[in-house]
All heavy atoms as atom14 arrays in JSON, in Angstrom:
{
  "sequence": "YSHGPVHRQLGVIAAALGHTATAAEHFDAARRINER",
  "atom14_mask": [
    [1, 1, 1, 1, 1, 1, 1, 1, 1, 1, 1, 1, 0, 0],
    [1, 1, 1, 1, 1, 1, 0, 0, 0, 0, 0, 0, 0, 0],
    [1, 1, 1, 1, 1, 1, 1, 1, 1, 1, 0, 0, 0, 0],
    [1, 1, 1, 1, 0, 0, 0, 0, 0, 0, 0, 0, 0, 0],
    [1, 1, 1, 1, 1, 1, 1, 0, 0, 0, 0, 0, 0, 0],
    [1, 1, 1, 1, 1, 1, 1, 0, 0, 0, 0, 0, 0, 0],
    [1, 1, 1, 1, 1, 1, 1, 1, 1, 1, 0, 0, 0, 0],
    [1, 1, 1, 1, 1, 1, 1, 1, 1, 1, 1, 0, 0, 0],
    [1, 1, 1, 1, 1, 1, 1, 1, 1, 0, 0, 0, 0, 0],
    [1, 1, 1, 1, 1, 1, 1, 1, 0, 0, 0, 0, 0, 0],
    [1, 1, 1, 1, 0, 0, 0, 0, 0, 0, 0, 0, 0, 0],
    [1, 1, 1, 1, 1, 1, 1, 0, 0, 0, 0, 0, 0, 0],
    [1, 1, 1, 1, 1, 1, 1, 1, 0, 0, 0, 0, 0, 0],
    [1, 1, 1, 1, 1, 0, 0, 0, 0, 0, 0, 0, 0, 0],
    [1, 1, 1, 1, 1, 0, 0, 0, 0, 0, 0, 0, 0, 0],
    [1, 1, 1, 1, 1, 0, 0, 0, 0, 0, 0, 0, 0, 0],
    [1, 1, 1, 1, 1, 1, 1, 1, 0, 0, 0, 0, 0, 0],
    [1, 1, 1, 1, 0, 0, 0, 0, 0, 0, 0, 0, 0, 0],
    [1, 1, 1, 1, 1, 1, 1, 1, 1, 1, 0, 0, 0, 0],
    [1, 1, 1, 1, 1, 1, 1, 0, 0, 0, 0, 0, 0, 0],
    [1, 1, 1, 1, 1, 0, 0, 0, 0, 0, 0, 0, 0, 0],
    [1, 1, 1, 1, 1, 1, 1, 0, 0, 0, 0, 0, 0, 0],
    [1, 1, 1, 1, 1, 0, 0, 0, 0, 0, 0, 0, 0, 0],
    [1, 1, 1, 1, 1, 0, 0, 0, 0, 0, 0, 0, 0, 0],
    [1, 1, 1, 1, 1, 1, 1, 1, 1, 0, 0, 0, 0, 0],
    [1, 1, 1, 1, 1, 1, 1, 1, 1, 1, 0, 0, 0, 0],
    [1, 1, 1, 1, 1, 1, 1, 1, 1, 1, 1, 0, 0, 0],
    [1, 1, 1, 1, 1, 1, 1, 1, 0, 0, 0, 0, 0, 0],
    [1, 1, 1, 1, 1, 0, 0, 0, 0, 0, 0, 0, 0, 0],
    [1, 1, 1, 1, 1, 0, 0, 0, 0, 0, 0, 0, 0, 0],
    [1, 1, 1, 1, 1, 1, 1, 1, 1, 1, 1, 0, 0, 0],
    [1, 1, 1, 1, 1, 1, 1, 1, 1, 1, 1, 0, 0, 0],
    [1, 1, 1, 1, 1, 1, 1, 1, 0, 0, 0, 0, 0, 0],
    [1, 1, 1, 1, 1, 1, 1, 1, 0, 0, 0, 0, 0, 0],
    [1, 1, 1, 1, 1, 1, 1, 1, 1, 0, 0, 0, 0, 0],
    [1, 1, 1, 1, 1, 1, 1, 1, 1, 1, 1, 0, 0, 0]
  ],
  "atom14_positions": [
    [[10.0, -33.09, 87.44], [8.78, -33.57, 88.22], [7.65, -33.82, 87.26], [7.34, -33.01, 86.4], [8.36, -32.57, 89.26], [7.47, -33.19, 90.31], [8.03, -33.75, 91.47], [6.11, -33.25, 90.15], [7.23, -34.36, 92.39], [5.31, -33.85, 91.07], [5.84, -34.42, 92.19], [5.08, -35.09, 93.1], [0.0, 0.0, 0.0], [0.0, 0.0, 0.0]],
    [[7.02, -35.0, 87.42], [5.93, -35.37, 86.57], [4.64, -35.32, 87.41], [4.53, -36.04, 88.4], [6.15, -36.76, 85.94], [5.02, -37.09, 85.16], [0.0, 0.0, 0.0], [0.0, 0.0, 0.0], [0.0, 0.0, 0.0], [0.0, 0.0, 0.0], [0.0, 0.0, 0.0], [0.0, 0.0, 0.0], [0.0, 0.0, 0.0], [0.0, 0.0, 0.0]],
    [[3.66, -34.53, 86.95], [2.4, -34.39, 87.66], [1.31, -35.33, 87.18], [0.19, -35.34, 87.7], [1.85, -32.96, 87.49], [2.83, -31.92, 87.95], [2.9, -31.47, 89.26], [3.83, -31.24, 87.27], [3.84, -30.58, 89.38], [4.42, -30.4, 88.22], [0.0, 0.0, 0.0], [0.0, 0.0, 0.0], [0.0, 0.0, 0.0], [0.0, 0.0, 0.0]],
    [[1.64, -36.17, 86.22], [0.58, -37.12, 85.67], [-0.2, -36.41, 84.58], [0.04, -35.21, 84.22], [0.0, 0.0, 0.0], [0.0, 0.0, 0.0], [0.0, 0.0, 0.0], [0.0, 0.0, 0.0], [0.0, 0.0, 0.0], [0.0, 0.0, 0.0], [0.0, 0.0, 0.0], [0.0, 0.0, 0.0], [0.0, 0.0, 0.0], [0.0, 0.0, 0.0]],
    [[-1.18, -37.12, 84.01], [-1.98, -36.52, 82.94], [-2.76, -35.33, 83.37], [-3.28, -35.26, 84.49], [-2.86, -37.7, 82.54], [-2.93, -38.55, 83.74], [-1.66, -38.48, 84.39], [0.0, 0.0, 0.0], [0.0, 0.0, 0.0], [0.0, 0.0, 0.0], [0.0, 0.0, 0.0], [0.0, 0.0, 0.0], [0.0, 0.0, 0.0], [0.0, 0.0, 0.0]],
    [[-2.96, -34.38, 82.44], [-3.7, -33.15, 82.75], [-5.15, -33.4, 83.07], [-5.85, -32.48, 83.52], [-3.5, -32.17, 81.57], [-4.29, -30.87, 81.78], [-1.98, -31.79, 81.43], [0.0, 0.0, 0.0], [0.0, 0.0, 0.0], [0.0, 0.0, 0.0], [0.0, 0.0, 0.0], [0.0, 0.0, 0.0], [0.0, 0.0, 0.0], [0.0, 0.0, 0.0]],
    [[-5.63, -34.63, 82.81], [-7.0, -34.98, 83.21], [-7.26, -34.59, 84.65], [-8.37, -34.1, 85.03], [-7.2, -36.47, 83.1], [-7.7, -36.92, 81.72], [-8.9, -36.5, 81.15], [-7.14, -37.76, 80.81], [-9.03, -37.03, 79.98], [-8.02, -37.83, 79.72], [0.0, 0.0, 0.0], [0.0, 0.0, 0.0], [0.0, 0.0, 0.0], [0.0, 0.0, 0.0]],
    [[-6.29, -34.77, 85.53], [-6.54, -34.48, 87.0], [-6.81, -33.0, 87.2], [-7.79, -32.65, 87.88], [-5.34, -34.96, 87.81], [-5.5, -34.62, 89.32], [-4.43, -35.34, 90.08], [-3.13, -34.86, 89.79], [-2.52, -33.76, 90.28], [-3.22, -32.96, 91.08], [-1.34, -33.42, 89.96], [0.0, 0.0, 0.0], [0.0, 0.0, 0.0], [0.0, 0.0, 0.0]],
    [[-5.96, -32.14, 86.66], [-6.21, -30.69, 86.83], [-7.49, -30.28, 86.15], [-8.23, -29.41, 86.67], [-5.05, -29.89, 86.27], [-3.75, -30.0, 87.07], [-2.85, -31.13, 86.6], [-3.27, -31.96, 85.86], [-1.59, -31.11, 87.09], [0.0, 0.0, 0.0], [0.0, 0.0, 0.0], [0.0, 0.0, 0.0], [0.0, 0.0, 0.0], [0.0, 0.0, 0.0]],
    [[-7.8, -30.86, 85.02], [-9.07, -30.56, 84.34], [-10.28, -30.93, 85.24], [-11.33, -30.27, 85.25], [-9.16, -31.26, 82.99], [-8.26, -30.68, 81.91], [-8.17, -31.6, 80.71], [-8.79, -29.32, 81.46], [0.0, 0.0, 0.0], [0.0, 0.0, 0.0], [0.0, 0.0, 0.0], [0.0, 0.0, 0.0], [0.0, 0.0, 0.0], [0.0, 0.0, 0.0]],
    [[-10.1, -32.04, 85.96], [-11.19, -32.45, 86.9], [-11.42, -31.45, 88.01], [-12.55, -31.1, 88.31], [0.0, 0.0, 0.0], [0.0, 0.0, 0.0], [0.0, 0.0, 0.0], [0.0, 0.0, 0.0], [0.0, 0.0, 0.0], [0.0, 0.0, 0.0], [0.0, 0.0, 0.0], [0.0, 0.0, 0.0], [0.0, 0.0, 0.0], [0.0, 0.0, 0.0]],
    [[-10.31, -30.89, 88.52], [-10.4, -29.87, 89.56], [-11.08, -28.6, 88.99], [-11.99, -28.04, 89.66], [-9.03, -29.51, 90.09], [-9.1, -28.33, 91.08], [-8.41, -30.72, 90.8], [0.0, 0.0, 0.0], [0.0, 0.0, 0.0], [0.0, 0.0, 0.0], [0.0, 0.0, 0.0], [0.0, 0.0, 0.0], [0.0, 0.0, 0.0], [0.0, 0.0, 0.0]],
    [[-10.71, -28.21, 87.79], [-11.27, -27.0, 87.22], [-12.78, -27.25, 86.91], [-13.64, -26.36, 87.25], [-10.54, -26.62, 85.89], [-9.08, -26.35, 86.13], [-11.2, -25.4, 85.28], [-8.23, -26.28, 84.91], [0.0, 0.0, 0.0], [0.0, 0.0, 0.0], [0.0, 0.0, 0.0], [0.0, 0.0, 0.0], [0.0, 0.0, 0.0], [0.0, 0.0, 0.0]],
    [[-13.07, -28.36, 86.32], [-14.5, -28.63, 85.92], [-15.43, -28.67, 87.17], [-16.52, -28.12, 87.12], [-14.58, -29.93, 85.18], [0.0, 0.0, 0.0], [0.0, 0.0, 0.0], [0.0, 0.0, 0.0], [0.0, 0.0, 0.0], [0.0, 0.0, 0.0], [0.0, 0.0, 0.0], [0.0, 0.0, 0.0], [0.0, 0.0, 0.0], [0.0, 0.0, 0.0]],
    [[-14.88, -29.27, 88.25], [-15.7, -29.27, 89.48], [-15.93, -27.87, 90.01], [-17.04, -27.54, 90.47], [-14.98, -30.11, 90.52], [0.0, 0.0, 0.0], [0.0, 0.0, 0.0], [0.0, 0.0, 0.0], [0.0, 0.0, 0.0], [0.0, 0.0, 0.0], [0.0, 0.0, 0.0], [0.0, 0.0, 0.0], [0.0, 0.0, 0.0], [0.0, 0.0, 0.0]],
    [[-14.94, -27.03, 89.96], [-15.03, -25.68, 90.5], [-16.01, -24.86, 89.63], [-16.7, -23.93, 90.14], [-13.69, -24.94, 90.48], [0.0, 0.0, 0.0], [0.0, 0.0, 0.0], [0.0, 0.0, 0.0], [0.0, 0.0, 0.0], [0.0, 0.0, 0.0], [0.0, 0.0, 0.0], [0.0, 0.0, 0.0], [0.0, 0.0, 0.0], [0.0, 0.0, 0.0]],
    [[-16.14, -25.22, 88.35], [-17.09, -24.55, 87.42], [-18.5, -25.16, 87.56], [-19.43, -24.67, 86.87], [-16.59, -24.62, 86.02], [-15.34, -23.81, 85.69], [-14.83, -24.14, 84.29], [-15.64, -22.3, 85.79], [0.0, 0.0, 0.0], [0.0, 0.0, 0.0], [0.0, 0.0, 0.0], [0.0, 0.0, 0.0], [0.0, 0.0, 0.0], [0.0, 0.0, 0.0]],
    [[-18.66, -26.17, 88.37], [-19.95, -26.78, 88.59], [-20.29, -27.91, 87.6], [-21.41, -28.41, 87.62], [0.0, 0.0, 0.0], [0.0, 0.0, 0.0], [0.0, 0.0, 0.0], [0.0, 0.0, 0.0], [0.0, 0.0, 0.0], [0.0, 0.0, 0.0], [0.0, 0.0, 0.0], [0.0, 0.0, 0.0], [0.0, 0.0, 0.0], [0.0, 0.0, 0.0]],
    [[-19.31, -28.35, 86.78], [-19.57, -29.42, 85.81], [-19.13, -30.72, 86.42], [-18.08, -31.35, 86.14], [-18.8, -29.11, 84.55], [-19.03, -27.78, 83.97], [-20.31, -27.26, 83.84], [-18.19, -26.81, 83.47], [-20.23, -26.05, 83.28], [-18.95, -25.76, 83.1], [0.0, 0.0, 0.0], [0.0, 0.0, 0.0], [0.0, 0.0, 0.0], [0.0, 0.0, 0.0]],
    [[-19.92, -31.24, 87.37], [-19.52, -32.37, 88.16], [-19.38, -33.67, 87.34], [-18.47, -34.48, 87.61], [-20.55, -32.6, 89.29], [-21.86, -32.75, 88.76], [-20.48, -31.44, 90.32], [0.0, 0.0, 0.0], [0.0, 0.0, 0.0], [0.0, 0.0, 0.0], [0.0, 0.0, 0.0], [0.0, 0.0, 0.0], [0.0, 0.0, 0.0], [0.0, 0.0, 0.0]],
    [[-20.29, -33.85, 86.39], [-20.16, -35.12, 85.59], [-18.89, -35.11, 84.74], [-18.2, -36.13, 84.66], [-21.4, -35.24, 84.64], [0.0, 0.0, 0.0], [0.0, 0.0, 0.0], [0.0, 0.0, 0.0], [0.0, 0.0, 0.0], [0.0, 0.0, 0.0], [0.0, 0.0, 0.0], [0.0, 0.0, 0.0], [0.0, 0.0, 0.0], [0.0, 0.0, 0.0]],
    [[-18.57, -33.95, 84.16], [-17.33, -33.86, 83.4], [-16.11, -34.05, 84.3], [-15.14, -34.69, 83.94], [-17.24, -32.5, 82.74], [-18.36, -32.33, 81.84], [-15.94, -32.34, 81.92], [0.0, 0.0, 0.0], [0.0, 0.0, 0.0], [0.0, 0.0, 0.0], [0.0, 0.0, 0.0], [0.0, 0.0, 0.0], [0.0, 0.0, 0.0], [0.0, 0.0, 0.0]],
    [[-16.17, -33.42, 85.54], [-15.11, -33.56, 86.47], [-14.84, -35.04, 86.82], [-13.71, -35.54, 86.83], [-15.37, -32.76, 87.7], [0.0, 0.0, 0.0], [0.0, 0.0, 0.0], [0.0, 0.0, 0.0], [0.0, 0.0, 0.0], [0.0, 0.0, 0.0], [0.0, 0.0, 0.0], [0.0, 0.0, 0.0], [0.0, 0.0, 0.0], [0.0, 0.0, 0.0]],
    [[-15.95, -35.77, 87.05], [-15.85, -37.18, 87.4], [-15.16, -37.98, 86.26], [-14.33, -38.9, 86.49], [-17.2, -37.77, 87.72], [0.0, 0.0, 0.0], [0.0, 0.0, 0.0], [0.0, 0.0, 0.0], [0.0, 0.0, 0.0], [0.0, 0.0, 0.0], [0.0, 0.0, 0.0], [0.0, 0.0, 0.0], [0.0, 0.0, 0.0], [0.0, 0.0, 0.0]],
    [[-15.51, -37.63, 85.02], [-14.91, -38.34, 83.88], [-13.39, -38.07, 83.85], [-12.58, -38.96, 83.56], [-15.58, -37.89, 82.6], [-17.01, -38.34, 82.44], [-17.67, -37.71, 81.22], [-17.01, -36.93, 80.46], [-18.85, -37.98, 80.98], [0.0, 0.0, 0.0], [0.0, 0.0, 0.0], [0.0, 0.0, 0.0], [0.0, 0.0, 0.0], [0.0, 0.0, 0.0]],
    [[-13.0, -36.85, 84.05], [-11.57, -36.47, 84.07], [-10.82, -37.24, 85.19], [-9.75, -37.81, 84.98], [-11.36, -35.01, 84.26], [-11.62, -34.2, 83.03], [-10.99, -34.43, 81.83], [-12.43, -33.16, 82.81], [-11.37, -33.55, 80.94], [-12.27, -32.76, 81.51], [0.0, 0.0, 0.0], [0.0, 0.0, 0.0], [0.0, 0.0, 0.0], [0.0, 0.0, 0.0]],
    [[-11.43, -37.26, 86.38], [-10.75, -37.99, 87.51], [-10.66, -39.5, 87.2], [-9.65, -40.12, 87.53], [-11.51, -37.72, 88.82], [-11.37, -36.34, 89.38], [-12.44, -35.53, 89.72], [-10.08, -35.84, 89.57], [-12.28, -34.26, 90.22], [-9.89, -34.53, 90.09], [-11.0, -33.77, 90.41], [0.0, 0.0, 0.0], [0.0, 0.0, 0.0], [0.0, 0.0, 0.0]],
    [[-11.7, -40.03, 86.64], [-11.64, -41.49, 86.28], [-10.52, -41.75, 85.27], [-9.77, -42.73, 85.43], [-12.95, -41.89, 85.63], [-14.11, -42.02, 86.65], [-13.79, -42.11, 87.86], [-15.28, -42.04, 86.22], [0.0, 0.0, 0.0], [0.0, 0.0, 0.0], [0.0, 0.0, 0.0], [0.0, 0.0, 0.0], [0.0, 0.0, 0.0], [0.0, 0.0, 0.0]],
    [[-10.38, -40.85, 84.28], [-9.33, -41.04, 83.32], [-7.93, -40.88, 83.94], [-6.99, -41.67, 83.62], [-9.47, -40.05, 82.15], [0.0, 0.0, 0.0], [0.0, 0.0, 0.0], [0.0, 0.0, 0.0], [0.0, 0.0, 0.0], [0.0, 0.0, 0.0], [0.0, 0.0, 0.0], [0.0, 0.0, 0.0], [0.0, 0.0, 0.0], [0.0, 0.0, 0.0]],
    [[-7.76, -39.87, 84.79], [-6.48, -39.65, 85.44], [-6.13, -40.85, 86.32], [-4.95, -41.31, 86.3], [-6.58, -38.4, 86.32], [0.0, 0.0, 0.0], [0.0, 0.0, 0.0], [0.0, 0.0, 0.0], [0.0, 0.0, 0.0], [0.0, 0.0, 0.0], [0.0, 0.0, 0.0], [0.0, 0.0, 0.0], [0.0, 0.0, 0.0], [0.0, 0.0, 0.0]],
    [[-7.09, -41.39, 87.03], [-6.77, -42.54, 87.88], [-6.34, -43.72, 87.04], [-5.34, -44.39, 87.31], [-8.02, -42.94, 88.69], [-7.81, -44.16, 89.5], [-9.06, -44.56, 90.25], [-8.84, -45.8, 90.99], [-9.48, -46.19, 92.06], [-10.44, -45.4, 92.58], [-9.26, -47.32, 92.67], [0.0, 0.0, 0.0], [0.0, 0.0, 0.0], [0.0, 0.0, 0.0]],
    [[-7.11, -43.98, 85.93], [-6.77, -45.15, 85.08], [-5.41, -45.06, 84.47], [-4.63, -46.02, 84.5], [-7.86, -45.22, 83.95], [-7.65, -46.4, 83.01], [-8.85, -46.49, 82.08], [-9.01, -45.28, 81.22], [-9.93, -44.35, 81.38], [-10.84, -44.46, 82.36], [-9.97, -43.33, 80.54], [0.0, 0.0, 0.0], [0.0, 0.0, 0.0], [0.0, 0.0, 0.0]],
    [[-5.04, -43.83, 84.0], [-3.72, -43.65, 83.36], [-2.58, -43.75, 84.41], [-1.56, -44.38, 84.14], [-3.68, -42.3, 82.67], [-4.7, -42.27, 81.49], [-2.28, -41.99, 82.12], [-4.89, -40.91, 80.84], [0.0, 0.0, 0.0], [0.0, 0.0, 0.0], [0.0, 0.0, 0.0], [0.0, 0.0, 0.0], [0.0, 0.0, 0.0], [0.0, 0.0, 0.0]],
    [[-2.79, -43.17, 85.57], [-1.77, -43.23, 86.61], [-1.58, -44.68, 87.13], [-0.43, -45.09, 87.41], [-2.13, -42.33, 87.76], [-1.87, -40.87, 87.47], [-0.87, -40.53, 86.85], [-2.79, -40.01, 87.93], [0.0, 0.0, 0.0], [0.0, 0.0, 0.0], [0.0, 0.0, 0.0], [0.0, 0.0, 0.0], [0.0, 0.0, 0.0], [0.0, 0.0, 0.0]],
    [[-2.69, -45.43, 87.24], [-2.56, -46.84, 87.67], [-1.76, -47.64, 86.63], [-0.98, -48.44, 86.97], [-3.96, -47.41, 87.9], [-4.63, -46.97, 89.16], [-5.96, -47.59, 89.38], [-6.63, -47.95, 88.34], [-6.37, -47.76, 90.53], [0.0, 0.0, 0.0], [0.0, 0.0, 0.0], [0.0, 0.0, 0.0], [0.0, 0.0, 0.0], [0.0, 0.0, 0.0]],
    [[-2.06, -47.36, 85.35], [-1.36, -48.08, 84.31], [0.12, -47.8, 84.33], [0.97, -48.68, 84.0], [-1.95, -47.75, 82.94], [-1.42, -48.53, 81.78], [-2.24, -48.34, 80.52], [-2.16, -46.97, 80.05], [-3.25, -46.2, 79.82], [-4.43, -46.63, 80.05], [-3.1, -44.97, 79.41], [0.0, 0.0, 0.0], [0.0, 0.0, 0.0], [0.0, 0.0, 0.0]]
  ]
}
């Protein structure tokens, strides 16, 4: 099973830690890589 790039999980962690800007960057990267 492939979960995609770890950017997505890092986005979830960063958001939970209150680092919303960093989380958004991770989610953007995960989306871009998964779309590609």
